[in-house]
C-alpha atoms as a PDB file:
ATOM      1  CA  MET A   1     -14.859  11.154  -0.034  1.00  0.00           C
ATOM      2  CA  ASN A   2     -14.028  12.431  -3.520  1.00  0.00           C
ATOM      3  CA  LEU A   3     -12.598   9.996  -6.075  1.00  0.00           C
ATOM      4  CA  ILE A   4     -11.190  10.582  -9.567  1.00  0.00           C
ATOM      5  CA  LEU A   5     -11.189   7.753 -12.096  1.00  0.00           C
ATOM      6  CA  CYS A   6      -8.813   8.581 -14.938  1.00  0.00           C
ATOM      7  CA  CYS A   7      -8.675   6.249 -17.940  1.00  0.00           C
ATOM      8  CA  GLY A   8      -8.828   6.705 -21.699  1.00  0.00           C
ATOM      9  CA  ASN A   9     -10.525   3.323 -22.143  1.00  0.00           C
ATOM     10  CA  THR A  10     -14.231   4.057 -21.709  1.00  0.00           C
ATOM     11  CA  GLY A  11     -15.176   0.457 -20.969  1.00  0.00           C
ATOM     12  CA  LEU A  12     -12.478   0.078 -18.343  1.00  0.00           C
ATOM     13  CA  ARG A  13     -13.315   3.417 -16.729  1.00  0.00           C
ATOM     14  CA  GLU A  14     -16.987   2.472 -16.526  1.00  0.00           C
ATOM     15  CA  ARG A  15     -15.994  -0.873 -15.020  1.00  0.00           C
ATOM     16  CA  TRP A  16     -14.149   0.962 -12.241  1.00  0.00           C
ATOM     17  CA  SER A  17     -17.048   3.392 -11.802  1.00  0.00           C
ATOM     18  CA  ALA A  18     -19.555   0.555 -11.446  1.00  0.00           C
ATOM     19  CA  ALA A  19     -17.425  -0.955  -8.671  1.00  0.00           C
ATOM     20  CA  LEU A  20     -16.639   2.256  -6.774  1.00  0.00           C
ATOM     21  CA  GLY A  21     -19.385   4.733  -7.613  1.00  0.00           C
ATOM     22  CA  SER A  22     -21.572   3.714  -4.681  1.00  0.00           C
ATOM     23  CA  LEU A  23     -18.725   4.199  -2.191  1.00  0.00           C
ATOM     24  CA  PHE A  24     -17.401   7.621  -3.216  1.00  0.00           C
ATOM     25  CA  ARG A  25     -18.389  10.860  -4.923  1.00  0.00           C
ATOM     26  CA  THR A  26     -16.871  10.036  -8.285  1.00  0.00           C
ATOM     27  CA  TYR A  27     -15.386  12.271 -10.984  1.00  0.00           C
ATOM     28  CA  GLN A  28     -14.187  10.886 -14.315  1.00  0.00           C
ATOM     29  CA  ALA A  29     -11.376  11.965 -16.628  1.00  0.00           C
ATOM     30  CA  SER A  30     -10.607  10.399 -19.991  1.00  0.00           C
ATOM     31  CA  THR A  31      -7.460  12.396 -20.813  1.00  0.00           C
ATOM     32  CA  LEU A  32      -4.530  13.972 -19.010  1.00  0.00           C
ATOM     33  CA  GLN A  33      -5.968  17.381 -19.871  1.00  0.00           C
ATOM     34  CA  ASP A  34      -9.202  16.463 -18.096  1.00  0.00           C
ATOM     35  CA  LEU A  35      -7.165  15.262 -15.126  1.00  0.00           C
ATOM     36  CA  ARG A  36      -5.093  18.468 -15.008  1.00  0.00           C
ATOM     37  CA  ILE A  37      -8.281  20.510 -14.972  1.00  0.00           C
ATOM     38  CA  LEU A  38      -9.733  18.453 -12.128  1.00  0.00           C
ATOM     39  CA  VAL A  39      -6.641  18.502  -9.898  1.00  0.00           C
ATOM     40  CA  GLY A  40      -6.222  22.217 -10.557  1.00  0.00           C
ATOM     41  CA  GLN A  41      -9.672  23.034  -9.216  1.00  0.00           C
ATOM     42  CA  HIS A  42     -10.455  24.057  -5.669  1.00  0.00           C
ATOM     43  CA  ILE A  43     -11.784  20.601  -4.898  1.00  0.00           C
ATOM     44  CA  SER A  44     -10.014  18.381  -2.403  1.00  0.00           C
ATOM     45  CA  PHE A  45      -9.700  14.874  -3.814  1.00  0.00           C
ATOM     46  CA  ASP A  46      -9.148  11.935  -1.484  1.00  0.00           C
ATOM     47  CA  LEU A  47      -8.431   9.191  -4.011  1.00  0.00           C
ATOM     48  CA  LEU A  48      -7.233   8.978  -7.603  1.00  0.00           C
ATOM     49  CA  PHE A  49      -7.302   5.751  -9.591  1.00  0.00           C
ATOM     50  CA  VAL A  50      -5.425   6.291 -12.846  1.00  0.00           C
ATOM     51  CA  HIS A  51      -4.600   4.050 -15.803  1.00  0.00           C
ATOM     52  CA  ARG A  52      -0.859   3.485 -16.204  1.00  0.00           C
ATOM     53  CA  LEU A  53      -1.011   4.319 -19.930  1.00  0.00           C
ATOM     54  CA  LEU A  54      -1.826   7.943 -19.071  1.00  0.00           C
ATOM     55  CA  VAL A  55       0.884   8.681 -16.516  1.00  0.00           C
ATOM     56  CA  ASP A  56       4.628   8.680 -16.087  1.00  0.00           C
ATOM     57  CA  GLN A  57       6.888   9.758 -13.220  1.00  0.00           C
ATOM     58  CA  GLU A  58       6.605  13.434 -14.149  1.00  0.00           C
ATOM     59  CA  ILE A  59       2.811  13.348 -14.163  1.00  0.00           C
ATOM     60  CA  VAL A  60       2.749  11.527 -10.831  1.00  0.00           C
ATOM     61  CA  ALA A  61       5.028  14.208  -9.344  1.00  0.00           C
ATOM     62  CA  TYR A  62       2.705  16.933 -10.721  1.00  0.00           C
ATOM     63  CA  ILE A  63      -0.368  15.304  -9.188  1.00  0.00           C
ATOM     64  CA  ARG A  64       1.394  14.856  -5.864  1.00  0.00           C
ATOM     65  CA  GLU A  65       2.345  18.535  -5.883  1.00  0.00           C
ATOM     66  CA  ARG A  66      -1.142  19.809  -6.738  1.00  0.00           C
ATOM     67  CA  GLN A  67      -3.073  17.360  -4.549  1.00  0.00           C
ATOM     68  CA  PRO A  68      -0.626  16.283  -1.802  1.00  0.00           C
ATOM     69  CA  ALA A  69      -3.366  14.775   0.369  1.00  0.00           C
ATOM     70  CA  CYS A  70      -4.808  12.708  -2.492  1.00  0.00           C
ATOM     71  CA  LYS A  71      -4.007   8.993  -2.324  1.00  0.00           C
ATOM     72  CA  LEU A  72      -2.876   7.833  -5.756  1.00  0.00           C
ATOM     73  CA  VAL A  73      -3.423   4.317  -7.110  1.00  0.00           C
ATOM     74  CA  ILE A  74      -2.024   3.232 -10.484  1.00  0.00           C
ATOM     75  CA  LEU A  75      -3.752   0.431 -12.375  1.00  0.00           C
ATOM     76  CA  SER A  76      -1.660  -1.227 -15.069  1.00  0.00           C
ATOM     77  CA  ASP A  77      -2.604  -3.676 -17.817  1.00  0.00           C
ATOM     78  CA  ARG A  78       0.771  -5.351 -17.268  1.00  0.00           C
ATOM     79  CA  PRO A  79       1.917  -4.741 -13.688  1.00  0.00           C
ATOM     80  CA  ASP A  80       5.695  -4.880 -13.235  1.00  0.00           C
ATOM     81  CA  GLU A  81       7.394  -5.061  -9.827  1.00  0.00           C
ATOM     82  CA  ALA A  82      10.291  -2.790 -10.783  1.00  0.00           C
ATOM     83  CA  GLU A  83       7.900  -0.180 -12.137  1.00  0.00           C
ATOM     84  CA  GLY A  84       5.708  -0.536  -9.054  1.00  0.00           C
ATOM     85  CA  LEU A  85       8.667   0.189  -6.785  1.00  0.00           C
ATOM     86  CA  ILE A  86       9.479   3.344  -8.739  1.00  0.00           C
ATOM     87  CA  PHE A  87       5.947   4.676  -8.387  1.00  0.00           C
ATOM     88  CA  LEU A  88       5.729   3.735  -4.704  1.00  0.00           C
ATOM     89  CA  ARG A  89       8.902   5.731  -4.039  1.00  0.00           C
ATOM     90  CA  LEU A  90       7.151   8.725  -5.628  1.00  0.00           C
ATOM     91  CA  GLY A  91       4.329   8.481  -3.102  1.00  0.00           C
ATOM     92  CA  VAL A  92       1.870   6.218  -4.914  1.00  0.00           C
ATOM     93  CA  VAL A  93      -0.027   4.073  -2.370  1.00  0.00           C
ATOM     94  CA  GLY A  94      -1.492   1.437  -4.652  1.00  0.00           C
ATOM     95  CA  TYR A  95      -0.387  -0.522  -7.714  1.00  0.00           C
ATOM     96  CA  ALA A  96      -2.470  -3.289  -9.247  1.00  0.00           C
ATOM     97  CA  ASN A  97      -3.871  -4.849 -12.413  1.00  0.00           C
ATOM     98  CA  SER A  98      -6.304  -2.707 -14.404  1.00  0.00           C
ATOM     99  CA  TYR A  99      -8.718  -5.642 -14.642  1.00  0.00           C
ATOM    100  CA  ILE A 100      -8.796  -6.438 -10.936  1.00  0.00           C
ATOM    101  CA  ASN A 101     -12.220  -7.862 -10.085  1.00  0.00           C
ATOM    102  CA  PRO A 102     -14.811  -5.414  -8.666  1.00  0.00           C
ATOM    103  CA  GLU A 103     -14.784  -6.853  -5.148  1.00  0.00           C
ATOM    104  CA  ARG A 104     -10.994  -6.583  -4.927  1.00  0.00           C
ATOM    105  CA  LEU A 105     -11.113  -3.078  -6.395  1.00  0.00           C
ATOM    106  CA  ARG A 106     -13.513  -1.993  -3.662  1.00  0.00           C
ATOM    107  CA  GLU A 107     -11.264  -3.603  -1.068  1.00  0.00           C
ATOM    108  CA  ALA A 108      -8.262  -1.768  -2.533  1.00  0.00           C
ATOM    109  CA  ALA A 109     -10.127   1.538  -2.315  1.00  0.00           C
ATOM    110  CA  ARG A 110     -11.059   0.936   1.313  1.00  0.00           C
ATOM    111  CA  VAL A 111      -7.506  -0.060   2.215  1.00  0.00           C
ATOM    112  CA  VAL A 112      -5.828   2.994   0.689  1.00  0.00           C
ATOM    113  CA  ALA A 113      -8.563   5.291   2.014  1.00  0.00           C
ATOM    114  CA  SER A 114      -7.764   4.006   5.525  1.00  0.00           C
ATOM    115  CA  GLY A 115      -4.109   4.974   5.115  1.00  0.00           C
ATOM    116  CA  SER A 116      -2.550   1.663   4.090  1.00  0.00           C
ATOM    117  CA  VAL A 117      -0.975   0.570   0.812  1.00  0.00           C
ATOM    118  CA  TRP A 118      -2.410  -1.849  -1.768  1.00  0.00           C
ATOM    119  CA  ILE A 119       0.222  -3.946  -3.536  1.00  0.00           C
ATOM    120  CA  ASN A 120       0.756  -7.647  -4.168  1.00  0.00           C
ATOM    121  CA  GLN A 121       2.706  -9.909  -1.807  1.00  0.00           C
ATOM    122  CA  GLN A 122       5.833 -10.037  -3.993  1.00  0.00           C
ATOM    123  CA  LEU A 123       6.075  -6.264  -4.225  1.00  0.00           C
ATOM    124  CA  MET A 124       5.415  -5.955  -0.500  1.00  0.00           C
ATOM    125  CA  GLN A 125       8.282  -8.349   0.234  1.00  0.00           C
ATOM    126  CA  ARG A 126      10.640  -6.346  -2.012  1.00  0.00           C
ATOM    127  CA  LEU A 127       9.683  -3.125  -0.234  1.00  0.00           C
ATOM    128  CA  ILE A 128      10.207  -4.729   3.159  1.00  0.00           C
ATOM    129  CA  ALA A 129      13.571  -6.136   2.081  1.00  0.00           C
ATOM    130  CA  GLU A 130      14.696  -2.698   0.899  1.00  0.00           C
ATOM    131  CA  SER A 131      13.668  -1.173   4.221  1.00  0.00           C
ATOM    132  CA  ALA A 132      15.839  -3.575   6.223  1.00  0.00           C
ATOM    133  CA  PRO A 133      19.032  -2.022   7.618  1.00  0.00           C
ATOM    134  CA  ALA A 134      22.504  -3.415   7.052  1.00  0.00           C
ATOM    135  CA  THR A 135      23.412  -6.169   9.493  1.00  0.00           C
ATOM    136  CA  LEU A 136      24.878  -4.838  12.713  1.00  0.00           C
ATOM    137  CA  PRO A 137      27.684  -6.461  14.703  1.00  0.00           C
ATOM    138  CA  GLU A 138      26.198  -8.994  17.091  1.00  0.00           C
ATOM    139  CA  LYS A 139      27.065  -6.931  20.183  1.00  0.00           C
ATOM    140  CA  GLU A 140      25.033  -4.017  18.798  1.00  0.00           C
ATOM    141  CA  ALA A 141      22.066  -6.036  17.581  1.00  0.00           C
ATOM    142  CA  THR A 142      20.514  -6.476  21.015  1.00  0.00           C
ATOM    143  CA  GLU A 143      16.827  -6.855  21.736  1.00  0.00           C
ATOM    144  CA  GLU A 144      16.984  -3.608  23.711  1.00  0.00           C
ATOM    145  CA  ASN A 145      18.084  -1.392  20.825  1.00  0.00           C
ATOM    146  CA  LYS A 146      15.606  -3.020  18.420  1.00  0.00           C
ATOM    147  CA  ARG A 147      12.625  -2.427  20.651  1.00  0.00           C
ATOM    148  CA  ASN A 148      11.059   1.004  21.025  1.00  0.00           C
ATOM    149  CA  TRP A 149       8.018   2.204  22.852  1.00  0.00           C
ATOM    150  CA  GLN A 150       5.625   1.018  20.112  1.00  0.00           C
ATOM    151  CA  LEU A 151       6.988  -2.527  20.267  1.00  0.00           C
ATOM    152  CA  ALA A 152       7.666  -2.693  23.993  1.00  0.00           C
ATOM    153  CA  ASN A 153       4.224  -4.058  24.884  1.00  0.00           C
ATOM    154  CA  LEU A 154       4.354  -6.994  22.484  1.00  0.00           C
ATOM    155  CA  SER A 155       4.528 -10.496  23.853  1.00  0.00           C
ATOM    156  CA  ASP A 156       7.559 -12.594  22.942  1.00  0.00           C
ATOM    157  CA  ARG A 157       5.562 -14.465  20.281  1.00  0.00           C
ATOM    158  CA  GLU A 158       4.126 -11.241  18.828  1.00  0.00           C
ATOM    159  CA  TYR A 159       7.595  -9.723  18.679  1.00  0.00           C
ATOM    160  CA  GLN A 160       8.932 -12.860  17.009  1.00  0.00           C
ATOM    161  CA  ILE A 161       6.210 -12.751  14.358  1.00  0.00           C
ATOM    162  CA  ALA A 162       6.738  -9.016  13.816  1.00  0.00           C
ATOM    163  CA  GLY A 163      10.414  -9.724  13.193  1.00  0.00           C
ATOM    164  CA  LEU A 164       9.578 -12.377  10.601  1.00  0.00           C
ATOM    165  CA  VAL A 165       7.196  -9.963   8.848  1.00  0.00           C
ATOM    166  CA  ALA A 166      10.038  -7.444   8.790  1.00  0.00           C
ATOM    167  CA  GLU A 167      12.172 -10.065   7.043  1.00  0.00           C
ATOM    168  CA  GLY A 168       9.544 -10.256   4.302  1.00  0.00           C
ATOM    169  CA  LEU A 169       7.956 -13.621   5.144  1.00  0.00           C
ATOM    170  CA  SER A 170       4.320 -14.242   4.283  1.00  0.00           C
ATOM    171  CA  ASN A 171       1.799 -15.463   6.872  1.00  0.00           C
ATOM    172  CA  LEU A 172       2.033 -18.984   5.482  1.00  0.00           C
ATOM    173  CA  GLU A 173       5.843 -18.975   5.636  1.00  0.00           C
ATOM    174  CA  ILE A 174       5.739 -17.711   9.232  1.00  0.00           C
ATOM    175  CA  ALA A 175       3.227 -20.410  10.190  1.00  0.00           C
ATOM    176  CA  GLU A 176       5.412 -23.132   8.681  1.00  0.00           C
ATOM    177  CA  ARG A 177       8.559 -21.825  10.368  1.00  0.00           C
ATOM    178  CA  LEU A 178       6.949 -21.584  13.813  1.00  0.00           C
ATOM    179  CA  GLY A 179       4.817 -24.720  13.555  1.00  0.00           C
ATOM    180  CA  ILE A 180       1.531 -22.887  14.060  1.00  0.00           C
ATOM    181  CA  THR A 181      -1.511 -22.274  11.866  1.00  0.00           C
ATOM    182  CA  GLU A 182      -1.821 -19.374   9.451  1.00  0.00           C
ATOM    183  CA  ARG A 183      -4.959 -18.333  11.341  1.00  0.00           C
ATOM    184  CA  THR A 184      -2.901 -18.047  14.544  1.00  0.00           C
ATOM    185  CA  VAL A 185      -0.345 -15.880  12.735  1.00  0.00           C
ATOM    186  CA  LYS A 186      -3.142 -13.562  11.565  1.00  0.00           C
ATOM    187  CA  ALA A 187      -4.502 -13.317  15.102  1.00  0.00           C
ATOM    188  CA  HIS A 188      -1.085 -12.402  16.504  1.00  0.00           C
ATOM    189  CA  LEU A 189      -0.586  -9.807  13.751  1.00  0.00           C
ATOM    190  CA  GLY A 190      -3.939  -8.241  14.577  1.00  0.00           C
ATOM    191  CA  ALA A 191      -2.744  -7.820  18.156  1.00  0.00           C
ATOM    192  CA  VAL A 192       0.593  -6.400  16.977  1.00  0.00           C
ATOM    193  CA  TYR A 193      -1.083  -3.793  14.763  1.00  0.00           C
ATOM    194  CA  ALA A 194      -3.382  -2.746  17.609  1.00  0.00           C
ATOM    195  CA  LYS A 195      -0.616  -2.500  20.228  1.00  0.00           C
ATOM    196  CA  ALA A 196       1.805  -0.683  17.922  1.00  0.00           C
ATOM    197  CA  SER A 197      -0.909   1.597  16.487  1.00  0.00           C
ATOM    198  CA  ILE A 198       0.043   0.867  12.883  1.00  0.00           C
ATOM    199  CA  ARG A 199      -1.693  -0.455   9.773  1.00  0.00           C
ATOM    200  CA  GLY A 200      -0.372  -3.231   7.610  1.00  0.00           C
ATOM    201  CA  ARG A 201       2.771  -5.224   7.003  1.00  0.00           C
ATOM    202  CA  LEU A 202       4.785  -2.435   5.407  1.00  0.00           C
ATOM    203  CA  GLY A 203       4.180  -0.087   8.327  1.00  0.00           C
ATOM    204  CA  LEU A 204       5.220  -2.842  10.737  1.00  0.00           C
ATOM    205  CA  ALA A 205       8.363  -3.622   8.755  1.00  0.00           C
ATOM    206  CA  LEU A 206       9.379   0.027   8.576  1.00  0.00           C
ATOM    207  CA  LEU A 207       8.800   0.422  12.317  1.00  0.00           C
ATOM    208  CA  PHE A 208      10.674  -2.769  13.194  1.00  0.00           C
ATOM    209  CA  ASN A 209      13.617  -1.955  10.923  1.00  0.00           C
ATOM    210  CA  LYS A 210      14.160   1.586  12.182  1.00  0.00           C
END
């Protein structure tokens, strides 16, 4: 897989490269001009990790247009939830701190490469909350019209946990509400993801809240 690391801070860019260079074929850009040249070439890029200081909404839109299949992750020195939501709505799939530790950075790269999103729990909960539909009258909010073929094979407990994820609860909050361990919640969620053929909490929430 081809990865671009775009950052004007040489030390920070090299820090990212040291963490990710063994996992991907890596290209580096220190300026927006360098980045424009790279994304304009006939090379298909899979991932782009870019420093927030170099991009705005217009640049993100340009990158998305020129490399629509490229998964874009923005790393910010001062991550902000409101800003993160704006970029996620533009198609960014990851938003994190620029100085994330190397192990977590590698994990983030693997997660977004697999098709999931990489964001913190608070931002995930805000996204899930925004995806929730307006409350329906009780007679319309039946179990039958909530379930679809992807959720039909879930057990009652799995469906219950999926619903709590869709409300934005964390694994710990779900465990406390249901009187079970957090490990049990994780096990049930693993089964839910497999049965529904989806990846991650956001995908589950969007499916459940359709």
